[in-house]
Amino acid sequence: MDNKRRAGVVRLVNHGDRERFCPRTALLQIFRTVRRPMIEGAPRARRSAMSRMPESLRSLGFRNFRLFFMGQLVSLIGTWMQSVALSWLVYRLTGKAALLGLVAFASQIPIFLLGSFGGVLADRVDPRRLLILTQALQMAQAFVLAALTLTGWIRPWQILALATGLGVINAFDLPGRQVLVARTVDREHLPNAIALNSSIFHGSRVLGPAVAGLLVAAIGEGWCFLANGVSFLAVIAGLAMMDLPPWVSRDDHPPVLTHIAEGLRFVAANRRVGLLLLLLGVVCLMAMPYTVLMPIFADSILKGGARGLGLLMGASGLGAVLGAAALAGRKGHAGLERTAWVGAAAVGIVLTAFAFSRVFWLSMVLMVPAGMAMVSHMTSNNTLVQMLIPDAMRGRVMAFHAMTFTVAMPIGALVMGLLAHRLGAPLTVALGGLGCVAGALAFAAAYPRPEEDPAGLSDPSRPR
């Protein structure tokens, strides 16, 4: 074999007049020779793998999304465990229901105050690196909370400070997460990826609290916080293993406030996006805060006690998982605007029926379609907004999306609590449900009809 032919397999190193075989370089040459056809055949292999997958799981054919999905599956269970355990810890330490609301407020208000800045950062930096940083900070927060609790040094002011810190981290984590998901799949598979992401969020909402309840009763809250901290390792490992195209950042970034103003102008000029954000605000203001009044329904109205509350919330979570799974099975994004407003209207109708039920089993059954309708609206709304915006605006617009959610929910909870004090919980929830139906019908009447572009989504940069 001549040297040129052998060079494709081994490396010959010249030393004067002699040529010596170099084992290390030979192994590298063999690895590159074998790896090259594997890389070149990767898209074909991925298409083949995706063709064998169920339609509802097709986004898992993308390795990067698969890594993100698996990491989230582990981490979100830990997140819900910490959420339930933290509420129990606050109530155990203080016995004050008001402090529960204050802790929830402290964890949400930073998202409203800093979310737009988080969106700007998500548009300017590599979202994978941003998420590695935010996930590491969340892991540190969980470990600090675990250490203080397990040592018995935990105090209410420390819980408030750590909850606020978590809210600050999430203000940058949430828009970065939305930008990253859009980079892990082809655009045509983005609706399926968002639906799958939603399914694990709501699936963990069912499993996480159940595990937390067992752990808190058996060994205490601190171990739930520790388990949550460890769960972030799965996300960080998945992010580190991703093989994404190089991040290309603009060199001529305008000032931050100018960047935020660009995002606001885009939303104002894009009628579809603006209406979707308004509908999201209506649902979060009038329908989602029903969970605040659920203890009243479970105990005083339906006579189910704490066990009944768990069953009602579990039924809602089950419906959410079923709704997310149904959306994951959709092909394409045509008709999603109908799903968004029908889902919002269905939430209102079911909650109105729930408000007047006095039979526990009937109320529990109604919670299943309520959860399905809620997640159908939330997921389709998120998907439509994602499909309507260009990549350069994704971080900022999705930050506005998250801010709409985080502003409307606390305001709705406050208003519902005040109304329930005067009117009673059933009438308050019924009024919220009817308001949600009215908002959905107004959206259906105002949303632009597709003309040349059947889905209205082919050119995200064009105002609509």
Protein backbone atom coordinates (compact mmCIF):
# COMPACT_ATOMS: atom_id res chain seq x y z
CA MET A 1 0.00 0.00 0.00
CA ASP A 2 1.49 3.37 -0.99
CA ASN A 3 1.76 6.22 1.45
CA LYS A 4 -1.16 8.19 -0.03
CA ARG A 5 -3.54 5.26 0.35
CA ARG A 6 -2.27 4.48 3.84
CA ALA A 7 -2.67 8.13 4.84
CA GLY A 8 -6.45 7.65 4.82
CA VAL A 9 -6.09 5.16 7.69
CA VAL A 10 -2.80 5.85 9.47
CA ARG A 11 -0.39 8.70 9.86
CA LEU A 12 3.27 8.35 8.79
CA VAL A 13 5.64 10.65 10.68
CA ASN A 14 8.93 11.55 9.00
CA HIS A 15 12.08 11.41 11.15
CA GLY A 16 14.99 12.17 8.86
CA ASP A 17 15.02 9.42 6.21
CA ARG A 18 12.72 7.12 8.23
CA GLU A 19 8.95 7.03 8.45
CA ARG A 20 7.51 5.92 11.78
CA PHE A 21 3.95 4.73 12.54
CA CYS A 22 2.15 6.96 15.09
CA PRO A 23 -0.61 4.97 16.90
CA ARG A 24 -2.33 8.00 18.49
CA THR A 25 -2.68 9.86 15.20
CA ALA A 26 -3.77 6.66 13.46
CA LEU A 27 -6.66 6.24 15.89
CA LEU A 28 -7.74 9.84 15.29
CA GLN A 29 -7.65 9.26 11.51
CA ILE A 30 -9.77 6.12 11.83
CA PHE A 31 -12.28 7.94 14.08
CA ARG A 32 -12.60 10.79 11.58
CA THR A 33 -12.96 8.38 8.67
CA VAL A 34 -15.77 6.51 10.40
CA ARG A 35 -17.46 9.61 11.84
CA ARG A 36 -17.64 11.54 8.56
CA PRO A 37 -20.27 9.35 6.86
CA MET A 38 -22.18 9.20 10.14
CA ILE A 39 -22.38 12.99 10.25
CA GLU A 40 -23.25 13.28 6.57
CA GLY A 41 -25.99 10.71 7.00
CA ALA A 42 -27.39 12.25 10.20
CA PRO A 43 -30.31 14.15 8.62
CA ARG A 44 -31.33 11.03 6.69
CA ALA A 45 -31.07 8.92 9.84
CA ARG A 46 -33.08 11.49 11.77
CA ARG A 47 -35.81 11.49 9.14
CA SER A 48 -35.89 7.71 9.26
CA ALA A 49 -36.11 7.73 13.06
CA MET A 50 -38.85 10.36 12.99
CA SER A 51 -40.85 8.37 10.44
CA ARG A 52 -40.94 5.46 12.88
CA MET A 53 -42.11 7.63 15.79
CA PRO A 54 -45.75 8.32 16.67
CA GLU A 55 -46.93 11.64 15.27
CA SER A 56 -47.26 13.07 18.77
CA LEU A 57 -43.56 12.40 19.55
CA ARG A 58 -41.98 13.46 16.27
CA SER A 59 -39.96 16.34 17.79
CA LEU A 60 -38.04 13.79 19.87
CA GLY A 61 -36.35 12.78 16.62
CA PHE A 62 -34.18 15.88 17.08
CA ARG A 63 -31.32 15.00 19.41
CA ASN A 64 -31.01 18.50 20.87
CA PHE A 65 -34.70 18.66 21.74
CA ARG A 66 -34.53 15.13 23.14
CA LEU A 67 -31.74 16.19 25.51
CA PHE A 68 -33.71 19.26 26.59
CA PHE A 69 -36.91 17.22 27.03
CA MET A 70 -35.28 14.55 29.22
CA GLY A 71 -33.54 17.12 31.39
CA GLN A 72 -36.78 19.04 31.90
CA LEU A 73 -38.66 15.84 32.70
CA VAL A 74 -36.40 15.27 35.71
CA SER A 75 -35.99 18.89 36.79
CA LEU A 76 -39.64 19.94 36.66
CA ILE A 77 -40.65 17.15 39.03
CA GLY A 78 -38.12 18.59 41.47
CA THR A 79 -39.46 22.11 40.87
CA TRP A 80 -43.02 21.13 41.76
CA MET A 81 -41.74 19.19 44.78
CA GLN A 82 -40.04 22.34 46.04
CA SER A 83 -43.12 24.48 45.38
CA VAL A 84 -45.40 22.26 47.48
CA ALA A 85 -42.82 21.70 50.23
CA LEU A 86 -42.12 25.45 50.45
CA SER A 87 -45.81 26.27 50.91
CA TRP A 88 -46.05 23.67 53.65
CA LEU A 89 -42.89 25.00 55.33
CA VAL A 90 -44.19 28.58 55.33
CA TYR A 91 -47.50 27.53 56.85
CA ARG A 92 -45.78 25.29 59.42
CA LEU A 93 -43.44 28.07 60.53
CA THR A 94 -45.96 30.91 60.68
CA GLY A 95 -49.49 29.52 60.53
CA LYS A 96 -50.39 32.59 58.46
CA ALA A 97 -52.17 32.16 55.14
CA ALA A 98 -51.27 35.76 54.22
CA LEU A 99 -47.58 34.87 54.16
CA LEU A 100 -48.29 32.15 51.60
CA GLY A 101 -49.57 34.84 49.25
CA LEU A 102 -46.62 37.09 50.03
CA VAL A 103 -44.11 34.36 49.17
CA ALA A 104 -45.94 33.65 45.90
CA PHE A 105 -45.97 37.38 45.11
CA ALA A 106 -42.25 37.69 45.89
CA SER A 107 -41.44 34.90 43.43
CA GLN A 108 -43.54 36.41 40.62
CA ILE A 109 -43.10 40.18 40.77
CA PRO A 110 -39.43 40.12 39.61
CA ILE A 111 -40.57 38.46 36.38
CA PHE A 112 -42.82 41.44 35.70
CA LEU A 113 -40.19 44.02 36.65
CA LEU A 114 -37.21 42.38 34.91
CA GLY A 115 -38.81 40.17 32.25
CA SER A 116 -38.30 42.68 29.43
CA PHE A 117 -34.59 42.92 30.28
CA GLY A 118 -34.43 39.12 30.32
CA GLY A 119 -35.97 39.08 26.85
CA VAL A 120 -33.36 41.52 25.56
CA LEU A 121 -30.56 39.37 26.98
CA ALA A 122 -32.08 36.23 25.45
CA ASP A 123 -31.99 37.93 22.03
CA ARG A 124 -28.37 39.04 22.46
CA VAL A 125 -26.53 36.04 23.92
CA ASP A 126 -26.32 32.30 23.29
CA PRO A 127 -29.51 30.94 24.95
CA ARG A 128 -27.81 27.63 25.79
CA ARG A 129 -25.13 29.38 27.85
CA LEU A 130 -27.74 31.64 29.42
CA LEU A 131 -29.76 28.62 30.54
CA ILE A 132 -26.73 26.80 31.91
CA LEU A 133 -26.13 29.87 34.09
CA THR A 134 -29.76 30.27 35.22
CA GLN A 135 -30.15 26.55 35.94
CA ALA A 136 -26.92 26.57 37.99
CA LEU A 137 -28.21 29.57 39.98
CA GLN A 138 -31.54 27.83 40.60
CA MET A 139 -29.65 24.75 41.78
CA ALA A 140 -27.65 26.92 44.20
CA GLN A 141 -30.88 28.50 45.50
CA ALA A 142 -32.37 25.05 46.17
CA PHE A 143 -29.23 23.89 47.98
CA VAL A 144 -29.17 27.00 50.19
CA LEU A 145 -32.86 26.48 51.02
CA ALA A 146 -32.18 22.81 51.81
CA ALA A 147 -29.19 23.62 54.02
CA LEU A 148 -31.08 26.24 56.04
CA THR A 149 -34.07 23.94 56.48
CA LEU A 150 -32.15 20.78 57.39
CA THR A 151 -30.04 22.67 59.95
CA GLY A 152 -33.10 24.31 61.51
CA TRP A 153 -31.85 27.84 60.78
CA ILE A 154 -34.60 28.70 58.29
CA ARG A 155 -36.65 31.85 59.02
CA PRO A 156 -39.56 33.47 57.12
CA TRP A 157 -37.44 36.43 55.98
CA GLN A 158 -34.92 34.01 54.46
CA ILE A 159 -37.71 32.25 52.58
CA LEU A 160 -38.91 35.60 51.20
CA ALA A 161 -35.40 36.55 50.13
CA LEU A 162 -34.80 33.21 48.41
CA ALA A 163 -38.21 33.34 46.70
CA THR A 164 -37.41 36.82 45.38
CA GLY A 165 -34.03 35.60 44.15
CA LEU A 166 -35.71 32.73 42.33
CA GLY A 167 -38.06 35.21 40.66
CA VAL A 168 -35.10 37.29 39.45
CA ILE A 169 -33.47 34.17 37.97
CA ASN A 170 -36.72 33.14 36.26
CA ALA A 171 -37.04 36.59 34.65
CA PHE A 172 -34.01 35.64 32.53
CA ASP A 173 -34.60 31.88 32.41
CA LEU A 174 -38.10 31.91 30.90
CA PRO A 175 -37.37 33.92 27.71
CA GLY A 176 -34.08 32.06 27.26
CA ARG A 177 -35.96 28.77 27.44
CA GLN A 178 -38.38 29.84 24.71
CA VAL A 179 -35.54 30.94 22.42
CA LEU A 180 -33.66 27.67 22.95
CA VAL A 181 -36.63 25.40 22.23
CA ALA A 182 -37.09 27.17 18.88
CA ARG A 183 -33.43 26.39 18.02
CA THR A 184 -33.65 22.66 18.81
CA VAL A 185 -36.20 21.73 16.10
CA ASP A 186 -37.13 22.73 12.57
CA ARG A 187 -39.77 25.45 12.35
CA GLU A 188 -42.41 23.03 11.07
CA HIS A 189 -41.99 20.90 14.21
CA LEU A 190 -42.12 23.81 16.67
CA PRO A 191 -45.83 23.35 17.55
CA ASN A 192 -45.19 19.71 18.47
CA ALA A 193 -42.10 20.64 20.50
CA ILE A 194 -44.05 23.26 22.47
CA ALA A 195 -46.90 20.79 23.09
CA LEU A 196 -44.47 18.13 24.33
CA ASN A 197 -42.77 20.68 26.56
CA SER A 198 -46.18 21.60 27.95
CA SER A 199 -47.03 17.94 28.57
CA ILE A 200 -44.02 17.38 30.80
CA PHE A 201 -44.71 20.63 32.65
CA HIS A 202 -48.24 19.53 33.51
CA GLY A 203 -47.29 15.88 33.96
CA SER A 204 -44.73 16.90 36.57
CA ARG A 205 -47.44 19.04 38.19
CA VAL A 206 -49.30 15.80 38.94
CA LEU A 207 -46.30 13.69 40.01
CA GLY A 208 -44.17 16.31 41.80
CA PRO A 209 -46.70 17.34 44.48
CA ALA A 210 -47.59 13.70 45.15
CA VAL A 211 -43.93 12.80 45.74
CA ALA A 212 -43.45 15.96 47.83
CA GLY A 213 -46.41 15.06 50.02
CA LEU A 214 -44.92 11.65 50.79
CA LEU A 215 -41.43 13.05 51.44
CA VAL A 216 -42.62 15.91 53.64
CA ALA A 217 -44.67 13.53 55.76
CA ALA A 218 -41.83 11.01 56.02
CA ILE A 219 -38.60 13.00 56.28
CA GLY A 220 -39.39 16.73 56.10
CA GLU A 221 -39.28 19.63 53.64
CA GLY A 222 -35.51 20.01 53.51
CA TRP A 223 -35.00 16.78 51.60
CA CYS A 224 -37.46 17.93 48.93
CA PHE A 225 -35.37 21.07 48.43
CA LEU A 226 -32.22 18.95 48.24
CA ALA A 227 -33.80 16.62 45.67
CA ASN A 228 -34.81 19.64 43.58
CA GLY A 229 -31.24 20.94 43.65
CA VAL A 230 -29.88 17.60 42.44
CA SER A 231 -32.52 17.45 39.66
CA PHE A 232 -31.00 20.53 37.97
CA LEU A 233 -27.94 18.44 37.12
CA ALA A 234 -30.06 16.63 34.50
CA VAL A 235 -30.87 19.90 32.70
CA ILE A 236 -27.31 21.22 32.88
CA ALA A 237 -25.93 17.93 31.54
CA GLY A 238 -28.44 17.95 28.66
CA LEU A 239 -27.59 21.55 27.77
CA ALA A 240 -23.86 20.80 27.83
CA MET A 241 -24.32 17.81 25.48
CA MET A 242 -26.26 19.76 22.82
CA ASP A 243 -24.70 20.27 19.41
CA LEU A 244 -26.27 23.50 18.15
CA PRO A 245 -25.19 25.75 15.27
CA PRO A 246 -22.81 28.52 16.38
CA TRP A 247 -24.59 31.48 17.93
CA VAL A 248 -24.31 34.59 15.76
CA SER A 249 -24.78 37.81 17.68
CA ARG A 250 -25.19 41.31 16.27
CA ASP A 251 -22.27 43.63 16.89
CA ASP A 252 -24.35 46.81 16.73
CA HIS A 253 -26.72 46.28 19.64
CA PRO A 254 -28.83 49.36 20.37
CA PRO A 255 -29.25 50.52 23.98
CA VAL A 256 -31.30 48.15 26.14
CA LEU A 257 -34.32 50.46 26.41
CA THR A 258 -34.30 50.96 22.64
CA HIS A 259 -34.22 47.18 22.22
CA ILE A 260 -37.23 46.83 24.54
CA ALA A 261 -39.06 49.57 22.62
CA GLU A 262 -38.43 47.66 19.37
CA GLY A 263 -40.18 44.65 20.87
CA LEU A 264 -43.13 46.75 22.03
CA ARG A 265 -43.46 48.35 18.59
CA PHE A 266 -43.45 44.90 16.99
CA VAL A 267 -46.28 43.72 19.25
CA ALA A 268 -48.25 46.93 18.60
CA ALA A 269 -47.83 46.56 14.82
CA ASN A 270 -48.61 42.84 14.79
CA ARG A 271 -52.33 42.59 15.41
CA ARG A 272 -52.36 38.83 15.78
CA VAL A 273 -49.68 38.81 18.48
CA GLY A 274 -51.34 41.68 20.34
CA LEU A 275 -54.73 39.93 20.37
CA LEU A 276 -53.16 36.67 21.54
CA LEU A 277 -51.50 38.46 24.46
CA LEU A 278 -54.80 40.16 25.34
CA LEU A 279 -56.66 36.84 25.33
CA LEU A 280 -53.95 35.31 27.51
CA GLY A 281 -54.38 38.20 29.93
CA VAL A 282 -58.16 37.68 30.07
CA VAL A 283 -57.80 33.96 30.81
CA CYS A 284 -55.12 34.54 33.46
CA LEU A 285 -57.15 37.35 35.05
CA MET A 286 -60.58 35.71 35.09
CA ALA A 287 -60.14 31.94 34.92
CA MET A 288 -56.78 30.77 36.25
CA PRO A 289 -57.11 32.33 39.74
CA TYR A 290 -59.91 29.84 40.53
CA THR A 291 -57.17 27.73 42.12
CA VAL A 292 -56.88 30.31 44.92
CA LEU A 293 -60.47 29.52 45.95
CA MET A 294 -60.18 25.74 45.60
CA PRO A 295 -59.63 25.14 49.35
CA ILE A 296 -63.02 26.82 49.99
CA PHE A 297 -64.74 24.58 47.45
CA ALA A 298 -63.00 21.43 48.70
CA ASP A 299 -63.68 22.03 52.39
CA SER A 300 -66.66 24.32 52.97
CA ILE A 301 -68.77 23.61 49.87
CA LEU A 302 -68.00 20.02 48.82
CA LYS A 303 -67.01 18.77 52.30
CA GLY A 304 -63.97 16.91 50.95
CA GLY A 305 -61.30 18.39 53.22
CA ALA A 306 -57.59 18.28 52.41
CA ARG A 307 -57.95 14.92 50.65
CA GLY A 308 -60.69 16.38 48.46
CA LEU A 309 -58.48 19.33 47.55
CA GLY A 310 -55.76 16.93 46.41
CA LEU A 311 -58.24 14.95 44.30
CA LEU A 312 -59.64 18.09 42.66
CA MET A 313 -56.20 19.45 41.80
CA GLY A 314 -55.07 16.03 40.62
CA ALA A 315 -58.08 15.80 38.29
CA SER A 316 -57.20 19.21 36.84
CA GLY A 317 -53.61 18.09 36.34
CA LEU A 318 -54.76 14.89 34.61
CA GLY A 319 -56.89 16.93 32.23
CA ALA A 320 -53.92 19.19 31.51
CA VAL A 321 -51.76 16.19 30.57
CA LEU A 322 -54.49 14.84 28.27
CA GLY A 323 -54.90 18.24 26.62
CA ALA A 324 -51.17 18.61 26.01
CA ALA A 325 -50.98 15.09 24.58
CA ALA A 326 -53.85 15.84 22.19
CA LEU A 327 -52.12 18.98 20.94
CA ALA A 328 -48.84 17.10 20.50
CA GLY A 329 -50.63 14.78 18.06
CA ARG A 330 -51.67 17.63 15.75
CA LYS A 331 -50.09 17.96 12.33
CA GLY A 332 -48.94 21.51 11.59
CA HIS A 333 -50.29 24.72 13.05
CA ALA A 334 -53.36 25.36 10.88
CA GLY A 335 -56.43 26.09 12.98
CA LEU A 336 -54.52 26.80 16.19
CA GLU A 337 -56.18 30.21 16.55
CA ARG A 338 -59.53 28.37 16.77
CA THR A 339 -58.08 26.04 19.40
CA ALA A 340 -56.91 29.07 21.39
CA TRP A 341 -60.28 30.81 21.62
CA VAL A 342 -62.38 27.64 21.88
CA GLY A 343 -60.11 26.47 24.71
CA ALA A 344 -60.56 29.80 26.51
CA ALA A 345 -64.34 29.67 26.06
CA ALA A 346 -64.46 26.05 27.24
CA VAL A 347 -62.53 26.95 30.40
CA GLY A 348 -65.14 29.59 31.20
CA ILE A 349 -68.10 27.28 30.54
CA VAL A 350 -66.71 24.40 32.63
CA LEU A 351 -65.75 26.68 35.53
CA THR A 352 -69.25 28.18 35.54
CA ALA A 353 -70.72 24.67 35.80
CA PHE A 354 -68.18 23.77 38.50
CA ALA A 355 -69.14 26.86 40.52
CA PHE A 356 -72.73 25.65 40.90
CA SER A 357 -71.95 21.97 41.58
CA ARG A 358 -72.55 20.71 45.11
CA VAL A 359 -71.69 17.06 44.41
CA PHE A 360 -68.05 16.16 44.97
CA TRP A 361 -67.71 13.49 42.27
CA LEU A 362 -69.33 15.77 39.68
CA SER A 363 -66.98 18.62 40.61
CA MET A 364 -63.99 16.30 40.31
CA VAL A 365 -65.14 15.12 36.87
CA LEU A 366 -65.56 18.75 35.74
CA MET A 367 -61.96 19.50 36.73
CA VAL A 368 -60.70 17.15 33.99
CA PRO A 369 -62.13 19.14 31.03
CA ALA A 370 -61.21 22.35 32.85
CA GLY A 371 -57.56 21.25 32.87
CA MET A 372 -57.77 20.09 29.25
CA ALA A 373 -59.27 23.37 28.06
CA MET A 374 -56.81 25.47 30.04
CA VAL A 375 -53.72 23.76 28.65
CA SER A 376 -55.24 23.73 25.13
CA HIS A 377 -55.52 27.50 25.28
CA MET A 378 -52.15 28.11 26.94
CA THR A 379 -50.21 25.81 24.60
CA SER A 380 -51.89 26.93 21.37
CA ASN A 381 -51.49 30.58 22.40
CA ASN A 382 -47.78 30.06 23.09
CA THR A 383 -47.32 28.17 19.81
CA LEU A 384 -49.06 30.82 17.71
CA VAL A 385 -47.01 33.64 19.22
CA GLN A 386 -43.81 31.65 18.64
CA MET A 387 -44.76 31.02 15.01
CA LEU A 388 -45.65 34.66 14.39
CA ILE A 389 -42.38 36.23 15.54
CA PRO A 390 -38.95 36.32 13.87
CA ASP A 391 -35.99 34.81 15.67
CA ALA A 392 -34.47 38.24 16.29
CA MET A 393 -37.54 39.24 18.36
CA ARG A 394 -38.23 35.90 20.05
CA GLY A 395 -36.68 36.63 23.44
CA ARG A 396 -38.35 40.01 23.90
CA VAL A 397 -41.82 39.01 22.70
CA MET A 398 -41.84 35.80 24.74
CA ALA A 399 -40.75 37.86 27.74
CA PHE A 400 -43.87 40.01 27.21
CA HIS A 401 -45.85 36.75 27.02
CA ALA A 402 -44.46 35.63 30.39
CA MET A 403 -45.03 39.09 31.88
CA THR A 404 -48.69 39.03 30.81
CA PHE A 405 -49.11 35.76 32.67
CA THR A 406 -47.31 36.90 35.81
CA VAL A 407 -49.14 40.24 36.03
CA ALA A 408 -52.68 39.02 35.33
CA MET A 409 -52.54 36.02 37.68
CA PRO A 410 -51.75 37.90 40.95
CA ILE A 411 -54.20 40.70 40.11
CA GLY A 412 -56.90 38.15 39.30
CA ALA A 413 -56.21 36.25 42.52
CA LEU A 414 -56.46 39.46 44.56
CA VAL A 415 -59.72 40.55 42.89
CA MET A 416 -61.25 37.07 43.19
CA GLY A 417 -60.35 36.92 46.86
CA LEU A 418 -62.02 40.28 47.54
CA LEU A 419 -65.12 39.37 45.52
CA ALA A 420 -65.39 35.97 47.18
CA HIS A 421 -65.41 37.70 50.57
CA ARG A 422 -68.44 39.75 49.50
CA LEU A 423 -70.24 37.53 46.98
CA GLY A 424 -69.10 34.05 47.93
CA ALA A 425 -66.71 31.72 46.08
CA PRO A 426 -69.28 30.08 43.73
CA LEU A 427 -70.64 33.35 42.31
CA THR A 428 -67.12 34.78 41.99
CA VAL A 429 -65.86 31.78 39.96
CA ALA A 430 -69.02 31.82 37.82
CA LEU A 431 -68.56 35.52 37.00
CA GLY A 432 -64.93 34.86 36.09
CA GLY A 433 -65.98 31.99 33.84
CA LEU A 434 -68.57 34.10 32.02
CA GLY A 435 -66.02 36.90 31.58
CA CYS A 436 -63.62 34.38 30.07
CA VAL A 437 -66.29 33.25 27.58
CA ALA A 438 -66.97 36.87 26.60
CA GLY A 439 -63.26 37.52 26.07
CA ALA A 440 -62.89 34.40 23.91
CA LEU A 441 -65.83 35.41 21.69
CA ALA A 442 -64.46 38.94 21.31
CA PHE A 443 -61.09 37.48 20.28
CA ALA A 444 -62.76 35.22 17.70
CA ALA A 445 -64.53 38.23 16.18
CA ALA A 446 -61.44 40.47 16.12
CA TYR A 447 -58.70 38.02 15.06
CA PRO A 448 -57.69 38.66 11.41
CA ARG A 449 -58.96 36.14 8.88
CA PRO A 450 -56.28 34.44 6.76
CA GLU A 451 -56.23 35.55 3.15
CA GLU A 452 -53.20 34.83 0.98
CA ASP A 453 -51.42 33.03 3.82
CA PRO A 454 -53.83 30.29 5.01
CA ALA A 455 -52.18 29.87 8.40
CA GLY A 456 -51.18 33.49 8.67
CA LEU A 457 -47.73 32.39 9.76
CA SER A 458 -45.47 32.08 6.75
CA ASP A 459 -43.68 35.42 7.18
CA PRO A 460 -43.21 36.23 10.86
CA SER A 461 -41.43 39.50 10.14
CA ARG A 462 -44.44 41.01 8.38
CA PRO A 463 -46.91 43.00 10.53
CA ARG A 464 -50.41 41.52 10.55
